[in-house]
Amino acid sequence: MTEWSREHAEQELAAWAAANEYRDEIIKGAYRAGVTKARIHAVTGVARTAIDRVLRDPAPRPGLLDAAARHELTTFLSEFIDGWPRQPASVGELYPMRRPPVAQQFTPEQIAEQLLASAGFRALRLGTWLSTPKGEFITAAVEALTPPLYQMDIDLVIDAVKLAAQAQQREAREKAVGIGLVVAIGGALIAGSRQA
C-alpha cells in the first residue's frame, strides 16, 4: 500500500463519511429493487447482520412524519422567520399592516435557497434519497407557528420548504449515484485483484 498525503487521507475519510451517510438508504433501495441480501453483501462488503438490521428499520429516518419531527421543523422555522410580520393577536380588531408580508418581497425559490444555505435546515434532512415529506406534514408544521404569519407568508413558507426538500432529495440522489459508481468500481477492482 502506498503512503497517502494528509490531504489525500482527509479526502478519503470525507468520501467514506459521505458514503456511510446514505448507506442505509442505498441498501434499502437496492433490496426493494430486487437485489438479494447476499448480493448486497458481496458488492458492498457490509456485514450480513448489518444488512439485516438496516432492512428491519422501517424508515430512512424513523419518525419523520410523527409529532416530534413536525415539532422539530416548526422550531427551526420559528427561528428562521424570526422578525417576519405576523397577524395581530386580536382577530376582532382591525390593525393596519405595519410591514408588507414577506411574500410580497421574495419568491418561494429565493426562500428555498436561504433554507438550503442554513445548516439547521440541512440537519433536518427532509429530502432524503428515497423521499420528501408529504405536503400535509409541512403544512402542519408551518401552521403551528405562533403567532401566525399572514396567509400569503404561510403559503410562501410551505412552497419554499417543499422546494428545498426536493432540492435536498436531488442532491442525495446525485450523491447516491456517485457513491454507487465508486462502490461498483471498487468492487470490480477488488474482484480483479483477487483473480490476479
Protein backbone atom coordinates (compact mmCIF):
# COMPACT_ATOMS: atom_id res chain seq x y z
CA MET A 1 0.00 0.00 0.00
CA THR A 2 1.33 3.43 -0.91
CA GLU A 3 1.61 6.19 1.65
CA TRP A 4 -1.02 8.91 1.41
CA SER A 5 -0.52 12.58 1.98
CA ARG A 6 -2.52 14.10 4.81
CA GLU A 7 -4.72 15.91 2.27
CA HIS A 8 -5.43 12.68 0.37
CA ALA A 9 -6.20 10.84 3.61
CA GLU A 10 -8.71 13.54 4.60
CA GLN A 11 -10.35 13.32 1.16
CA GLU A 12 -10.69 9.55 1.55
CA LEU A 13 -12.22 10.00 5.02
CA ALA A 14 -14.68 12.57 3.67
CA ALA A 15 -15.69 10.24 0.83
CA TRP A 16 -16.13 7.36 3.30
CA ALA A 17 -18.26 9.54 5.60
CA ALA A 18 -20.44 10.67 2.66
CA ALA A 19 -20.87 7.08 1.55
CA ASN A 20 -21.86 5.93 5.03
CA GLU A 21 -24.36 8.78 5.44
CA TYR A 22 -26.52 7.27 2.69
CA ARG A 23 -25.55 3.61 3.11
CA ASP A 24 -28.76 2.53 4.84
CA GLU A 25 -30.96 4.21 2.24
CA ILE A 26 -28.96 2.65 -0.61
CA ILE A 27 -29.21 -0.83 0.95
CA LYS A 28 -33.00 -0.46 1.40
CA GLY A 29 -33.44 0.82 -2.14
CA ALA A 30 -31.37 -2.00 -3.62
CA TYR A 31 -33.27 -4.63 -1.63
CA ARG A 32 -36.64 -3.19 -2.72
CA ALA A 33 -35.36 -3.24 -6.31
CA GLY A 34 -34.80 -7.00 -6.00
CA VAL A 35 -31.11 -7.24 -5.11
CA THR A 36 -30.67 -10.12 -2.66
CA LYS A 37 -29.05 -9.70 0.74
CA ALA A 38 -26.23 -12.00 -0.36
CA ARG A 39 -25.55 -9.86 -3.43
CA ILE A 40 -25.66 -6.64 -1.38
CA HIS A 41 -23.08 -8.21 0.95
CA ALA A 42 -20.91 -9.35 -1.96
CA VAL A 43 -20.94 -5.95 -3.69
CA THR A 44 -20.60 -3.70 -0.65
CA GLY A 45 -18.77 -5.82 1.91
CA VAL A 46 -21.34 -4.75 4.52
CA ALA A 47 -21.80 -7.48 7.11
CA ARG A 48 -24.94 -9.56 6.69
CA THR A 49 -26.01 -8.78 10.25
CA ALA A 50 -25.74 -5.05 9.45
CA ILE A 51 -27.82 -5.56 6.30
CA ASP A 52 -30.48 -7.38 8.34
CA ARG A 53 -30.51 -4.54 10.89
CA VAL A 54 -30.90 -1.91 8.15
CA LEU A 55 -33.73 -3.81 6.48
CA ARG A 56 -35.60 -4.23 9.78
CA ASP A 57 -35.52 -0.43 10.27
CA PRO A 58 -38.83 0.66 8.68
CA ALA A 59 -37.85 4.14 7.52
CA PRO A 60 -34.73 6.05 6.44
CA ARG A 61 -35.38 8.49 9.26
CA PRO A 62 -37.57 6.99 11.98
CA GLY A 63 -40.47 9.17 12.97
CA LEU A 64 -40.10 11.63 10.10
CA LEU A 65 -43.86 12.11 9.94
CA ASP A 66 -44.56 11.97 13.66
CA ALA A 67 -45.32 14.84 16.01
CA ALA A 68 -41.72 15.11 17.25
CA ALA A 69 -40.37 15.59 13.72
CA ARG A 70 -43.10 18.13 12.94
CA HIS A 71 -42.19 19.97 16.15
CA GLU A 72 -38.53 19.92 15.10
CA LEU A 73 -39.42 21.54 11.76
CA THR A 74 -41.73 24.07 13.45
CA THR A 75 -38.99 25.01 15.92
CA PHE A 76 -36.48 25.52 13.12
CA LEU A 77 -38.95 27.59 11.07
CA SER A 78 -39.83 29.70 14.12
CA GLU A 79 -36.18 30.75 14.38
CA PHE A 80 -35.81 31.08 10.60
CA ILE A 81 -38.73 33.51 10.26
CA ASP A 82 -37.96 35.46 13.41
CA GLY A 83 -38.76 39.07 12.59
CA TRP A 84 -41.28 38.37 9.81
CA PRO A 85 -44.55 40.31 10.18
CA ARG A 86 -47.28 38.35 11.97
CA GLN A 87 -51.04 38.53 12.19
CA PRO A 88 -52.21 40.63 15.13
CA ALA A 89 -53.02 38.74 18.31
CA SER A 90 -56.55 40.19 18.42
CA VAL A 91 -58.56 38.96 15.46
CA GLY A 92 -61.63 41.05 16.28
CA GLU A 93 -59.83 44.36 15.81
CA LEU A 94 -58.50 45.75 12.58
CA TYR A 95 -54.83 46.58 12.57
CA PRO A 96 -53.11 48.12 9.60
CA MET A 97 -50.21 46.07 8.29
CA ARG A 98 -47.08 47.82 9.53
CA ARG A 99 -44.76 45.93 7.17
CA PRO A 100 -45.68 44.13 3.99
CA PRO A 101 -45.76 40.34 4.12
CA VAL A 102 -42.51 38.67 3.10
CA ALA A 103 -44.37 37.04 0.20
CA GLN A 104 -44.57 40.47 -1.42
CA GLN A 105 -40.76 40.71 -1.30
CA PHE A 106 -39.47 37.19 -2.04
CA THR A 107 -40.35 34.16 -4.15
CA PRO A 108 -40.56 30.58 -2.84
CA GLU A 109 -37.37 29.81 -4.81
CA GLN A 110 -35.49 32.61 -3.02
CA ILE A 111 -36.65 31.41 0.40
CA ALA A 112 -35.78 27.81 -0.57
CA GLU A 113 -32.22 28.96 -1.39
CA GLN A 114 -31.99 30.58 2.05
CA LEU A 115 -33.26 27.38 3.66
CA LEU A 116 -30.72 25.25 1.80
CA ALA A 117 -27.94 27.61 2.88
CA SER A 118 -28.93 27.04 6.52
CA ALA A 119 -27.07 24.30 8.38
CA GLY A 120 -30.11 23.91 10.64
CA PHE A 121 -32.37 23.10 7.71
CA ARG A 122 -29.86 20.72 6.17
CA ALA A 123 -29.61 18.91 9.51
CA LEU A 124 -33.36 18.20 9.37
CA ARG A 125 -32.67 16.05 6.27
CA LEU A 126 -36.20 16.44 4.96
CA GLY A 127 -35.19 15.46 1.45
CA THR A 128 -33.57 12.04 1.54
CA TRP A 129 -32.57 9.78 -1.33
CA LEU A 130 -35.86 7.93 -1.12
CA SER A 131 -38.40 10.55 -0.13
CA THR A 132 -39.50 14.04 0.79
CA PRO A 133 -42.16 14.79 3.39
CA LYS A 134 -45.77 14.97 2.31
CA GLY A 135 -47.36 18.39 1.90
CA GLU A 136 -49.63 17.80 4.90
CA PHE A 137 -46.60 17.34 7.16
CA ILE A 138 -45.04 20.63 6.02
CA THR A 139 -48.37 22.48 6.17
CA ALA A 140 -49.00 21.27 9.73
CA ALA A 141 -45.51 22.37 10.81
CA VAL A 142 -45.92 25.85 9.29
CA GLU A 143 -49.45 26.33 10.61
CA ALA A 144 -48.22 25.51 14.13
CA LEU A 145 -46.16 28.72 14.17
CA THR A 146 -47.40 31.21 16.75
CA PRO A 147 -48.34 33.93 16.43
CA PRO A 148 -49.44 33.01 12.92
CA LEU A 149 -47.96 34.50 9.79
CA TYR A 150 -50.08 36.25 7.20
CA GLN A 151 -51.70 33.66 4.91
CA MET A 152 -49.59 34.66 1.91
CA ASP A 153 -46.44 34.14 4.01
CA ILE A 154 -47.72 30.76 5.21
CA ASP A 155 -48.16 29.73 1.57
CA LEU A 156 -44.69 31.11 0.76
CA VAL A 157 -43.00 29.11 3.54
CA ILE A 158 -44.86 25.90 2.65
CA ASP A 159 -43.83 26.20 -1.01
CA ALA A 160 -40.24 27.11 -0.07
CA VAL A 161 -39.84 24.15 2.31
CA LYS A 162 -41.20 21.78 -0.35
CA LEU A 163 -38.76 23.17 -2.93
CA ALA A 164 -35.83 22.97 -0.51
CA ALA A 165 -36.70 19.38 0.47
CA GLN A 166 -36.92 18.42 -3.21
CA ALA A 167 -33.53 20.04 -3.85
CA GLN A 168 -32.09 18.10 -0.89
CA GLN A 169 -33.53 14.91 -2.37
CA ARG A 170 -31.90 15.63 -5.76
CA GLU A 171 -28.54 16.20 -4.03
CA ALA A 172 -28.91 12.97 -2.06
CA ARG A 173 -29.73 11.01 -5.22
CA GLU A 174 -26.76 12.51 -7.05
CA LYS A 175 -24.50 11.53 -4.14
CA ALA A 176 -26.02 8.05 -4.04
CA VAL A 177 -25.40 7.57 -7.75
CA GLY A 178 -21.82 8.76 -7.33
CA ILE A 179 -21.29 6.52 -4.33
CA GLY A 180 -22.83 3.61 -6.21
CA LEU A 181 -20.35 4.14 -9.04
CA VAL A 182 -17.44 4.27 -6.59
CA VAL A 183 -18.66 1.09 -4.87
CA ALA A 184 -19.13 -0.68 -8.21
CA ILE A 185 -15.67 0.36 -9.44
CA GLY A 186 -14.15 -0.59 -6.09
CA GLY A 187 -15.90 -3.96 -6.19
CA ALA A 188 -14.64 -4.58 -9.73
CA LEU A 189 -11.10 -3.63 -8.75
CA ILE A 190 -11.19 -5.89 -5.69
CA ALA A 191 -12.61 -8.75 -7.74
CA GLY A 192 -9.93 -8.17 -10.40
CA SER A 193 -7.14 -8.11 -7.82
CA ARG A 194 -8.37 -11.36 -6.28
CA GLN A 195 -8.32 -13.08 -9.67
CA ALA A 196 -4.80 -11.86 -10.44
